[in-house]
Amino acid sequence: MHARGRIAAAATAAAAALATAAYATLVEPRRLRVRRRTLRLPNWPRALDGLTVAVIADLHAGAPQIDESALRKLVARVNETRPDLVVLLGDHVDDDHHLGDEIPPERVAACLGHLEAPRGVVAVLGNHDWLAGGHRVADALRANHITVLENDATRAGPGLSVAGVGDATERVADPHRALEAIQDPDAAVLLLTHDPDVFPRVPTRPALTLAGHTHGGQIDIPGARRAWIPSRFGARYATRTHVVEDGRHLLLSPGVGTSGWPVRLAARPEIPIVTLRPAGTLQSRPWISRSSSPAPPDRCPARGEACPRP
């Protein structure tokens, strides 16, 4: 190749790299979609056929694309779907953004307090919530009528209980203790966890476990993906949304915000609106089905990793 050709090729590569970086920073992190999907679950009762759950994970409020205006719009979009239940899967706040501004948890919680669902709004906390001050975050959410669970459970209307575990990095995640707190032995059960690495230790009682944390990989391209996934299992709980292991079902949310640098690439932010139905003739097809790996220990190793009312 002549020198002029090499220069042209280098210029083209540089332009493509700049365009990709601009898209990953300025465009994709702001392309939030509210996506409907249906899951058919073996342990889901016919009495709750059609129940809808809005799944909000990893807001990381304070990132450049998740300011207070964005939070208000997000709440309005979720309310438009009229879910029966809203679950918040942790990392609601983040005080360690690159290029962002910290939003006090009280203002984040005041915004989330406008979420509307007849069966309530139930939350767990994530590692960034605890790094920013977990008790303060929990108090702010509770002050806005949001139930916060840590290895505990709550009733979510007739026939349904929601259990939630502590964060696996900064606290102790104990799914057995959470499930023992359920008072109705006949209730259908949803289990909330911020970190999907807890899933191999989840018993068969929950009809569905819901998790966030991995951001769909955040940078979901070969070669870069692994460095962005905060999981000991690599991409196993990152790049798909529905996992089945040993007959147990896990729904993974790609999340809304970003951790660290405010970039996403091939991992569009998303709020799933999930309709739950009993397993039947039209069986939903999970993205992954495999036998689970041996259960990790009770505590995962440490990983480096508000709006005024209108």
Protein backbone atom coordinates (compact mmCIF):
# COMPACT_ATOMS: atom_id res chain seq x y z
CA MET A 1 0.00 0.00 0.00
CA HIS A 2 1.30 3.41 -0.94
CA ALA A 3 1.84 6.04 1.72
CA ARG A 4 -1.20 7.98 0.55
CA GLY A 5 -3.34 4.85 0.85
CA ARG A 6 -2.06 4.13 4.33
CA ILE A 7 -2.84 7.67 5.41
CA ALA A 8 -6.35 7.42 3.98
CA ALA A 9 -6.95 4.09 5.74
CA ALA A 10 -5.69 5.48 9.04
CA ALA A 11 -7.90 8.54 8.67
CA THR A 12 -10.92 6.37 7.93
CA ALA A 13 -10.22 4.17 10.97
CA ALA A 14 -9.79 7.23 13.19
CA ALA A 15 -13.04 8.74 11.94
CA ALA A 16 -14.88 5.47 12.57
CA ALA A 17 -13.45 5.26 16.08
CA LEU A 18 -14.49 8.83 16.84
CA ALA A 19 -17.96 8.23 15.47
CA THR A 20 -18.33 5.07 17.57
CA ALA A 21 -17.14 6.85 20.70
CA ALA A 22 -19.56 9.71 20.09
CA TYR A 23 -22.46 7.31 19.56
CA ALA A 24 -21.57 5.28 22.68
CA THR A 25 -21.34 8.43 24.79
CA LEU A 26 -23.94 10.82 23.41
CA VAL A 27 -26.57 8.63 21.73
CA GLU A 28 -27.03 5.07 22.98
CA PRO A 29 -27.06 5.86 26.73
CA ARG A 30 -30.06 8.14 26.02
CA ARG A 31 -32.00 5.67 23.86
CA LEU A 32 -34.06 4.29 26.72
CA ARG A 33 -36.77 1.92 25.60
CA VAL A 34 -39.74 0.58 27.52
CA ARG A 35 -40.07 -2.95 26.23
CA ARG A 36 -42.99 -5.31 26.74
CA ARG A 37 -42.45 -9.02 26.95
CA THR A 38 -44.31 -12.08 28.21
CA LEU A 39 -42.92 -14.90 30.33
CA ARG A 40 -44.74 -18.18 30.91
CA LEU A 41 -43.62 -19.69 34.19
CA PRO A 42 -44.19 -23.20 35.58
CA ASN A 43 -44.82 -21.91 39.13
CA TRP A 44 -47.13 -19.06 38.17
CA PRO A 45 -50.78 -19.46 39.26
CA ARG A 46 -53.71 -18.99 36.91
CA ALA A 47 -55.26 -16.61 39.43
CA LEU A 48 -52.46 -14.14 38.59
CA ASP A 49 -52.45 -14.77 34.84
CA GLY A 50 -51.59 -11.53 33.05
CA LEU A 51 -50.07 -9.67 36.00
CA THR A 52 -47.61 -7.04 34.75
CA VAL A 53 -44.39 -5.99 36.42
CA ALA A 54 -42.34 -2.91 35.50
CA VAL A 55 -38.65 -3.59 36.14
CA ILE A 56 -36.43 -0.57 36.81
CA ALA A 57 -32.77 -1.32 37.48
CA ASP A 58 -29.52 0.57 37.76
CA LEU A 59 -30.66 4.16 37.43
CA HIS A 60 -27.26 5.44 38.61
CA ALA A 61 -28.93 8.81 38.96
CA GLY A 62 -26.47 11.61 38.44
CA ALA A 63 -24.89 10.27 35.26
CA PRO A 64 -24.99 12.87 32.48
CA GLN A 65 -27.99 11.20 30.82
CA ILE A 66 -29.85 10.53 34.10
CA ASP A 67 -30.56 13.97 35.49
CA GLU A 68 -33.74 14.98 37.29
CA SER A 69 -35.57 15.77 34.07
CA ALA A 70 -34.77 12.30 32.73
CA LEU A 71 -36.05 10.73 35.96
CA ARG A 72 -39.36 12.56 35.67
CA LYS A 73 -39.79 11.43 32.07
CA LEU A 74 -38.88 7.85 33.00
CA VAL A 75 -41.51 7.76 35.75
CA ALA A 76 -44.14 9.14 33.36
CA ARG A 77 -43.32 6.53 30.73
CA VAL A 78 -43.59 3.69 33.24
CA ASN A 79 -46.89 5.00 34.59
CA GLU A 80 -48.28 5.10 31.05
CA THR A 81 -47.90 1.30 30.87
CA ARG A 82 -50.14 0.90 33.96
CA PRO A 83 -48.20 -1.96 35.60
CA ASP A 84 -49.67 -3.96 38.44
CA LEU A 85 -46.36 -3.89 40.32
CA VAL A 86 -43.13 -1.91 40.02
CA VAL A 87 -39.82 -3.35 41.22
CA LEU A 88 -36.62 -1.34 41.69
CA LEU A 89 -33.51 -3.50 41.53
CA GLY A 90 -30.86 -1.28 43.08
CA ASP A 91 -28.15 1.22 42.24
CA HIS A 92 -30.72 3.97 42.35
CA VAL A 93 -28.00 6.53 43.08
CA ASP A 94 -24.31 6.82 42.33
CA ASP A 95 -21.86 9.34 43.79
CA ASP A 96 -18.90 8.27 41.67
CA HIS A 97 -19.75 9.32 38.13
CA HIS A 98 -17.33 10.47 35.48
CA LEU A 99 -18.72 13.65 33.91
CA GLY A 100 -21.89 13.55 36.01
CA ASP A 101 -23.30 15.40 39.02
CA GLU A 102 -24.43 13.78 42.24
CA ILE A 103 -28.16 13.90 42.92
CA PRO A 104 -29.10 13.54 46.59
CA PRO A 105 -31.04 10.33 47.28
CA GLU A 106 -33.93 12.31 48.73
CA ARG A 107 -34.54 13.95 45.35
CA VAL A 108 -34.20 10.67 43.48
CA ALA A 109 -36.63 9.01 45.85
CA ALA A 110 -39.10 11.92 45.60
CA CYS A 111 -39.21 11.35 41.86
CA LEU A 112 -39.61 7.58 42.18
CA GLY A 113 -42.38 8.20 44.68
CA HIS A 114 -44.62 9.17 41.75
CA LEU A 115 -44.53 5.64 40.35
CA GLU A 116 -48.04 4.19 40.32
CA ALA A 117 -48.96 0.52 40.70
CA PRO A 118 -51.92 -1.02 42.55
CA ARG A 119 -49.74 -3.76 44.07
CA GLY A 120 -47.09 -1.29 45.14
CA VAL A 121 -43.49 -0.35 44.46
CA VAL A 122 -40.85 -2.63 45.99
CA ALA A 123 -37.09 -2.05 46.02
CA VAL A 124 -33.78 -3.63 46.95
CA LEU A 125 -30.50 -1.77 47.24
CA GLY A 126 -27.37 -2.25 45.15
CA ASN A 127 -23.68 -1.86 45.78
CA HIS A 128 -23.60 1.78 44.64
CA ASP A 129 -26.48 2.62 46.96
CA TRP A 130 -24.45 1.34 49.89
CA LEU A 131 -21.30 3.09 48.75
CA ALA A 132 -23.28 6.33 48.62
CA GLY A 133 -24.95 5.68 52.00
CA GLY A 134 -27.35 2.77 51.97
CA HIS A 135 -29.36 3.64 55.08
CA ARG A 136 -29.94 7.15 53.77
CA VAL A 137 -31.07 5.77 50.40
CA ALA A 138 -33.42 3.28 52.08
CA ASP A 139 -34.90 5.93 54.37
CA ALA A 140 -35.50 8.25 51.42
CA LEU A 141 -37.31 5.54 49.46
CA ARG A 142 -39.45 4.53 52.43
CA ALA A 143 -40.36 8.18 53.03
CA ASN A 144 -41.88 8.11 49.54
CA HIS A 145 -43.99 5.00 50.20
CA ILE A 146 -41.60 2.56 48.52
CA THR A 147 -41.05 -0.76 50.31
CA VAL A 148 -37.36 -1.57 50.72
CA LEU A 149 -36.34 -5.19 51.37
CA GLU A 150 -33.11 -6.67 52.64
CA ASN A 151 -33.36 -10.41 53.22
CA ASP A 152 -37.03 -9.89 53.91
CA ALA A 153 -40.40 -10.21 52.19
CA THR A 154 -43.64 -8.33 51.78
CA ARG A 155 -47.17 -9.04 50.59
CA ALA A 156 -47.92 -7.41 47.23
CA GLY A 157 -51.66 -7.75 47.02
CA PRO A 158 -53.80 -10.91 46.95
CA GLY A 159 -51.93 -14.11 46.18
CA LEU A 160 -48.49 -12.53 45.68
CA SER A 161 -45.41 -12.10 47.87
CA VAL A 162 -42.20 -10.32 46.95
CA ALA A 163 -38.93 -11.28 48.64
CA GLY A 164 -35.74 -9.25 48.36
CA VAL A 165 -32.14 -10.01 49.26
CA GLY A 166 -29.29 -7.80 50.41
CA ASP A 167 -26.59 -6.68 48.04
CA ALA A 168 -24.06 -9.46 47.47
CA THR A 169 -21.02 -7.16 47.40
CA GLU A 170 -21.50 -4.62 50.17
CA ARG A 171 -23.91 -6.57 52.38
CA VAL A 172 -24.99 -10.22 52.73
CA ALA A 173 -27.41 -11.78 50.26
CA ASP A 174 -29.49 -14.46 51.97
CA PRO A 175 -32.30 -15.76 49.73
CA HIS A 176 -33.30 -18.44 52.25
CA ARG A 177 -33.85 -15.85 54.98
CA ALA A 178 -35.81 -13.67 52.58
CA LEU A 179 -38.09 -16.53 51.61
CA GLU A 180 -38.59 -17.59 55.22
CA ALA A 181 -40.15 -14.16 55.82
CA ILE A 182 -43.07 -14.96 53.51
CA GLN A 183 -46.17 -15.45 55.62
CA ASP A 184 -48.53 -16.94 53.03
CA PRO A 185 -47.39 -20.46 52.12
CA ASP A 186 -49.66 -20.52 49.08
CA ALA A 187 -48.61 -17.17 47.58
CA ALA A 188 -46.80 -16.88 44.28
CA VAL A 189 -43.31 -15.49 44.89
CA LEU A 190 -41.07 -13.05 43.06
CA LEU A 191 -37.51 -12.71 44.35
CA LEU A 192 -35.58 -9.45 43.86
CA THR A 193 -31.80 -9.24 43.88
CA HIS A 194 -29.53 -6.52 42.61
CA ASP A 195 -26.75 -8.95 41.72
CA PRO A 196 -27.57 -11.98 39.54
CA ASP A 197 -24.60 -13.89 40.98
CA VAL A 198 -27.01 -14.80 43.78
CA PHE A 199 -29.17 -16.82 41.38
CA PRO A 200 -27.39 -20.21 41.72
CA ARG A 201 -28.30 -20.14 45.44
CA VAL A 202 -31.97 -19.33 44.92
CA PRO A 203 -34.30 -22.23 45.88
CA THR A 204 -37.13 -23.42 43.66
CA ARG A 205 -39.86 -21.56 45.58
CA PRO A 206 -39.81 -18.28 43.59
CA ALA A 207 -41.63 -18.38 40.29
CA LEU A 208 -39.17 -15.77 39.01
CA THR A 209 -36.00 -14.07 40.20
CA LEU A 210 -35.38 -10.55 38.91
CA ALA A 211 -31.91 -8.96 38.80
CA GLY A 212 -29.94 -6.08 37.33
CA HIS A 213 -26.33 -4.97 37.99
CA THR A 214 -24.66 -6.14 34.78
CA HIS A 215 -26.12 -3.44 32.48
CA GLY A 216 -26.42 -5.91 29.62
CA GLY A 217 -22.64 -5.77 29.43
CA GLN A 218 -22.69 -1.96 28.96
CA ILE A 219 -20.04 -2.37 26.26
CA ASP A 220 -21.36 -5.53 24.67
CA ILE A 221 -18.82 -6.18 21.96
CA PRO A 222 -16.31 -9.03 21.73
CA GLY A 223 -13.00 -8.23 23.33
CA ALA A 224 -14.35 -5.42 25.51
CA ARG A 225 -17.41 -7.11 27.03
CA ARG A 226 -15.69 -9.01 29.85
CA ALA A 227 -13.98 -5.95 31.31
CA TRP A 228 -17.34 -4.21 31.78
CA ILE A 229 -19.28 -7.06 33.39
CA PRO A 230 -19.23 -7.01 37.22
CA SER A 231 -19.89 -10.72 37.63
CA ARG A 232 -17.80 -13.72 38.59
CA PHE A 233 -19.71 -15.65 35.90
CA GLY A 234 -18.67 -13.42 33.02
CA ALA A 235 -21.38 -12.97 30.39
CA ARG A 236 -23.57 -15.76 31.77
CA TYR A 237 -25.79 -13.20 33.56
CA ALA A 238 -25.17 -10.18 31.39
CA THR A 239 -25.97 -10.38 27.72
CA ARG A 240 -29.31 -12.22 27.80
CA THR A 241 -32.56 -11.34 29.49
CA HIS A 242 -34.16 -14.70 30.37
CA VAL A 243 -32.14 -17.50 31.88
CA VAL A 244 -33.41 -20.92 33.02
CA GLU A 245 -31.23 -23.11 35.21
CA ASP A 246 -32.46 -26.32 36.83
CA GLY A 247 -36.04 -25.27 36.19
CA ARG A 248 -35.59 -21.89 37.94
CA HIS A 249 -36.26 -18.71 35.97
CA LEU A 250 -34.23 -15.49 36.04
CA LEU A 251 -35.13 -12.22 34.35
CA LEU A 252 -32.20 -9.84 33.82
CA SER A 253 -32.78 -6.16 33.22
CA PRO A 254 -30.23 -4.32 31.06
CA GLY A 255 -30.79 -1.33 33.32
CA VAL A 256 -31.16 2.35 32.69
CA GLY A 257 -27.96 4.15 33.65
CA THR A 258 -24.23 3.69 33.39
CA SER A 259 -21.47 2.95 35.87
CA GLY A 260 -18.16 4.76 35.69
CA TRP A 261 -17.85 6.31 32.26
CA PRO A 262 -21.25 7.25 30.78
CA VAL A 263 -21.07 4.95 27.78
CA ARG A 264 -23.15 2.13 26.32
CA LEU A 265 -22.53 0.25 23.12
CA ALA A 266 -24.73 -2.59 21.82
CA ALA A 267 -26.37 -2.58 25.28
CA ARG A 268 -29.29 -0.21 24.96
CA PRO A 269 -30.89 0.93 28.25
CA GLU A 270 -34.24 -0.67 28.87
CA ILE A 271 -37.16 -0.92 31.27
CA PRO A 272 -38.88 -4.30 30.78
CA ILE A 273 -42.63 -4.43 31.29
CA VAL A 274 -43.18 -8.12 31.91
CA THR A 275 -46.50 -9.91 31.67
CA LEU A 276 -46.46 -13.10 33.72
CA ARG A 277 -48.52 -16.10 32.65
CA PRO A 278 -48.68 -19.75 33.70
CA ALA A 279 -46.72 -22.16 31.57
CA GLY A 280 -48.95 -23.65 28.92
CA THR A 281 -49.01 -24.77 25.34
CA LEU A 282 -47.21 -21.65 24.13
CA GLN A 283 -44.09 -22.04 26.23
CA SER A 284 -41.81 -19.00 26.29
CA ARG A 285 -38.36 -19.77 25.02
CA PRO A 286 -35.55 -18.69 27.35
CA TRP A 287 -32.39 -17.27 25.86
CA ILE A 288 -30.26 -19.67 27.91
CA SER A 289 -31.03 -23.01 29.49
CA ARG A 290 -28.39 -24.95 31.35
CA SER A 291 -27.58 -26.64 34.62
CA SER A 292 -26.35 -24.26 37.26
CA SER A 293 -22.80 -24.12 38.51
CA PRO A 294 -21.98 -24.86 42.12
CA ALA A 295 -23.39 -22.28 44.49
CA PRO A 296 -21.03 -19.43 45.37
CA PRO A 297 -20.42 -18.55 49.01
CA ASP A 298 -22.85 -16.41 50.97
CA ARG A 299 -20.93 -13.24 50.25
CA CYS A 300 -19.45 -12.38 46.87
CA PRO A 301 -15.97 -10.85 46.87
CA ALA A 302 -15.74 -7.10 46.76
CA ARG A 303 -15.55 -5.67 43.28
CA GLY A 304 -14.14 -2.37 42.24
CA GLU A 305 -16.33 -1.33 40.25
CA ALA A 306 -34.10 13.79 43.52
CA CYS A 307 -36.64 15.22 41.81
CA PRO A 308 -39.08 17.73 43.38
CA ARG A 309 -42.71 16.72 43.12
CA PRO A 310 -44.36 18.32 40.07
